[in-house]
């Protein structure tokens, strides 16, 4: 579903049927964090899910106030791979074990 920031996110839910105005982030709700519309504008989750669709990667969101944005809350995301049982250093790329690149790359002349 499209977020208030205009990005597609599978974790965002909006119900606007017959005058309702219910919006929520189900990823933040599962982590017991409080969501507001302004968090969607700088959230890294839509770009992570677009870049990496690994079924074993679990995202863990946390809302923090970085020093560069003192008055704005931002979503920080860490990831964990269930297959190899370790933290993912770069969620956009993945752990490197689940989706290996081919060992041999053939170049035609």
C-alpha atoms as a PDB file:
ATOM      1  CA  UNK A   1       0.000   0.000   0.000  1.00  0.00           C
ATOM      2  CA  UNK A   2       1.170   3.552  -0.652  1.00  0.00           C
ATOM      3  CA  UNK A   3       2.429   5.421   2.426  1.00  0.00           C
ATOM      4  CA  UNK A   4       1.799   9.104   3.195  1.00  0.00           C
ATOM      5  CA  UNK A   5       5.278   9.718   1.716  1.00  0.00           C
ATOM      6  CA  UNK A   6       4.153   8.205  -1.605  1.00  0.00           C
ATOM      7  CA  UNK A   7       6.273   5.027  -1.368  1.00  0.00           C
ATOM      8  CA  UNK A   8       4.989   1.466  -1.653  1.00  0.00           C
ATOM      9  CA  UNK A   9       5.335  -0.409   1.645  1.00  0.00           C
ATOM     10  CA  UNK A  10       3.884  -3.797   2.507  1.00  0.00           C
ATOM     11  CA  UNK A  11       3.935  -2.929   6.224  1.00  0.00           C
ATOM     12  CA  UNK A  12       1.755   0.175   5.923  1.00  0.00           C
ATOM     13  CA  UNK A  13      -2.012  -0.216   6.287  1.00  0.00           C
ATOM     14  CA  UNK A  14      -4.576   2.416   5.444  1.00  0.00           C
ATOM     15  CA  UNK A  15      -8.360   2.060   5.600  1.00  0.00           C
ATOM     16  CA  UNK A  16     -10.224   4.905   3.913  1.00  0.00           C
ATOM     17  CA  UNK A  17     -13.458   3.076   3.073  1.00  0.00           C
ATOM     18  CA  UNK A  18     -16.615   5.158   3.575  1.00  0.00           C
ATOM     19  CA  UNK A  19     -14.974   8.046   5.360  1.00  0.00           C
ATOM     20  CA  UNK A  20     -12.707   6.049   7.643  1.00  0.00           C
ATOM     21  CA  UNK A  21      -9.201   7.342   8.138  1.00  0.00           C
ATOM     22  CA  UNK A  22      -7.253   4.528   9.786  1.00  0.00           C
ATOM     23  CA  UNK A  23      -3.502   4.426   9.135  1.00  0.00           C
ATOM     24  CA  UNK A  24      -0.858   2.311  10.834  1.00  0.00           C
ATOM     25  CA  UNK A  25       2.546   0.767  10.356  1.00  0.00           C
ATOM     26  CA  UNK A  26       2.268  -2.884  11.227  1.00  0.00           C
ATOM     27  CA  UNK A  27       6.035  -3.337  11.462  1.00  0.00           C
ATOM     28  CA  UNK A  28       6.263  -0.683  14.179  1.00  0.00           C
ATOM     29  CA  UNK A  29       3.144  -2.009  15.903  1.00  0.00           C
ATOM     30  CA  UNK A  30       4.733  -5.473  16.111  1.00  0.00           C
ATOM     31  CA  UNK A  31       7.793  -3.888  17.740  1.00  0.00           C
ATOM     32  CA  UNK A  32       5.596  -1.938  20.218  1.00  0.00           C
ATOM     33  CA  UNK A  33       6.648   1.413  18.784  1.00  0.00           C
ATOM     34  CA  UNK A  34       4.332   4.396  18.292  1.00  0.00           C
ATOM     35  CA  UNK A  35       3.786   5.371  14.646  1.00  0.00           C
ATOM     36  CA  UNK A  36       2.975   8.767  13.177  1.00  0.00           C
ATOM     37  CA  UNK A  37       2.675   9.928   9.558  1.00  0.00           C
ATOM     38  CA  UNK A  38       5.932  11.891   9.605  1.00  0.00           C
ATOM     39  CA  UNK A  39       7.983   8.709  10.150  1.00  0.00           C
ATOM     40  CA  UNK A  40       7.133   7.467   6.644  1.00  0.00           C
ATOM     41  CA  UNK A  41       9.015  10.304   4.936  1.00  0.00           C
ATOM     42  CA  UNK A  42      12.475   9.131   6.076  1.00  0.00           C
ATOM     43  CA  UNK A  43      11.756   5.435   6.674  1.00  0.00           C
ATOM     44  CA  UNK A  44      14.291   3.031   5.088  1.00  0.00           C
ATOM     45  CA  UNK A  45      11.930   0.014   5.073  1.00  0.00           C
ATOM     46  CA  UNK A  46      10.369   0.551   1.588  1.00  0.00           C
ATOM     47  CA  UNK A  47      13.804   0.800  -0.050  1.00  0.00           C
ATOM     48  CA  UNK A  48      15.072  -2.256   1.875  1.00  0.00           C
ATOM     49  CA  UNK A  49      12.127  -4.411   0.797  1.00  0.00           C
ATOM     50  CA  UNK A  50      12.498  -3.182  -2.777  1.00  0.00           C
ATOM     51  CA  UNK A  51      16.227  -4.002  -2.855  1.00  0.00           C
ATOM     52  CA  UNK A  52      16.091  -7.291  -0.931  1.00  0.00           C
ATOM     53  CA  UNK A  53      13.155  -9.689  -0.894  1.00  0.00           C
ATOM     54  CA  UNK A  54      14.866 -12.414   1.147  1.00  0.00           C
ATOM     55  CA  UNK A  55      12.326 -14.571   2.923  1.00  0.00           C
ATOM     56  CA  UNK A  56      14.716 -15.268   5.818  1.00  0.00           C
ATOM     57  CA  UNK A  57      15.507 -11.649   6.703  1.00  0.00           C
ATOM     58  CA  UNK A  58      13.591 -10.207   9.654  1.00  0.00           C
ATOM     59  CA  UNK A  59      13.506  -6.447  10.118  1.00  0.00           C
ATOM     60  CA  UNK A  60      13.678  -4.903  13.589  1.00  0.00           C
ATOM     61  CA  UNK A  61      12.605  -1.262  13.665  1.00  0.00           C
ATOM     62  CA  UNK A  62      13.402   1.227  16.374  1.00  0.00           C
ATOM     63  CA  UNK A  63      12.427   4.888  16.580  1.00  0.00           C
ATOM     64  CA  UNK A  64      15.287   7.199  17.513  1.00  0.00           C
ATOM     65  CA  UNK A  65      16.227  10.866  17.379  1.00  0.00           C
ATOM     66  CA  UNK A  66      19.557  11.232  15.559  1.00  0.00           C
ATOM     67  CA  UNK A  67      21.817  14.143  16.445  1.00  0.00           C
ATOM     68  CA  UNK A  68      21.422  15.631  12.966  1.00  0.00           C
ATOM     69  CA  UNK A  69      17.630  15.822  13.363  1.00  0.00           C
ATOM     70  CA  UNK A  70      17.040  16.869  16.948  1.00  0.00           C
ATOM     71  CA  UNK A  71      13.329  17.569  16.612  1.00  0.00           C
ATOM     72  CA  UNK A  72      12.394  14.704  14.293  1.00  0.00           C
ATOM     73  CA  UNK A  73      11.975  11.063  15.112  1.00  0.00           C
ATOM     74  CA  UNK A  74      13.407   8.607  12.572  1.00  0.00           C
ATOM     75  CA  UNK A  75      13.019   4.882  12.006  1.00  0.00           C
ATOM     76  CA  UNK A  76      16.265   2.931  12.378  1.00  0.00           C
ATOM     77  CA  UNK A  77      16.211  -0.643  11.081  1.00  0.00           C
ATOM     78  CA  UNK A  78      18.389  -3.601  11.942  1.00  0.00           C
ATOM     79  CA  UNK A  79      17.991  -7.000  10.331  1.00  0.00           C
ATOM     80  CA  UNK A  80      18.498 -10.622  11.335  1.00  0.00           C
ATOM     81  CA  UNK A  81      18.774 -13.630   9.013  1.00  0.00           C
ATOM     82  CA  UNK A  82      16.859 -16.681  10.236  1.00  0.00           C
ATOM     83  CA  UNK A  83      18.694 -19.030   7.870  1.00  0.00           C
ATOM     84  CA  UNK A  84      22.263 -18.355   9.026  1.00  0.00           C
ATOM     85  CA  UNK A  85      21.231 -17.086  12.504  1.00  0.00           C
ATOM     86  CA  UNK A  86      23.207 -13.841  12.509  1.00  0.00           C
ATOM     87  CA  UNK A  87      22.824 -10.082  12.236  1.00  0.00           C
ATOM     88  CA  UNK A  88      22.717  -8.579   8.758  1.00  0.00           C
ATOM     89  CA  UNK A  89      25.171  -5.708   8.482  1.00  0.00           C
ATOM     90  CA  UNK A  90      23.578  -4.106   5.415  1.00  0.00           C
ATOM     91  CA  UNK A  91      19.829  -4.879   5.076  1.00  0.00           C
ATOM     92  CA  UNK A  92      19.715  -3.532   1.500  1.00  0.00           C
ATOM     93  CA  UNK A  93      22.183  -6.256   0.424  1.00  0.00           C
ATOM     94  CA  UNK A  94      21.434  -9.098   2.855  1.00  0.00           C
ATOM     95  CA  UNK A  95      23.645 -11.534   4.725  1.00  0.00           C
ATOM     96  CA  UNK A  96      25.452 -12.832   1.618  1.00  0.00           C
ATOM     97  CA  UNK A  97      24.676 -16.478   2.356  1.00  0.00           C
ATOM     98  CA  UNK A  98      21.060 -16.877   1.253  1.00  0.00           C
ATOM     99  CA  UNK A  99      21.424 -15.598  -2.304  1.00  0.00           C
ATOM    100  CA  UNK A 100      24.924 -16.248  -3.577  1.00  0.00           C
ATOM    101  CA  UNK A 101      26.084 -14.838  -6.862  1.00  0.00           C
ATOM    102  CA  UNK A 102      27.177 -17.379  -9.459  1.00  0.00           C
ATOM    103  CA  UNK A 103      30.815 -18.385  -9.037  1.00  0.00           C
ATOM    104  CA  UNK A 104      31.511 -18.268 -12.731  1.00  0.00           C
ATOM    105  CA  UNK A 105      30.427 -15.435 -14.952  1.00  0.00           C
ATOM    106  CA  UNK A 106      30.562 -16.237 -18.651  1.00  0.00           C
ATOM    107  CA  UNK A 107      31.480 -13.450 -21.020  1.00  0.00           C
ATOM    108  CA  UNK A 108      30.770 -13.982 -24.697  1.00  0.00           C
ATOM    109  CA  UNK A 109      33.272 -12.699 -27.262  1.00  0.00           C
END
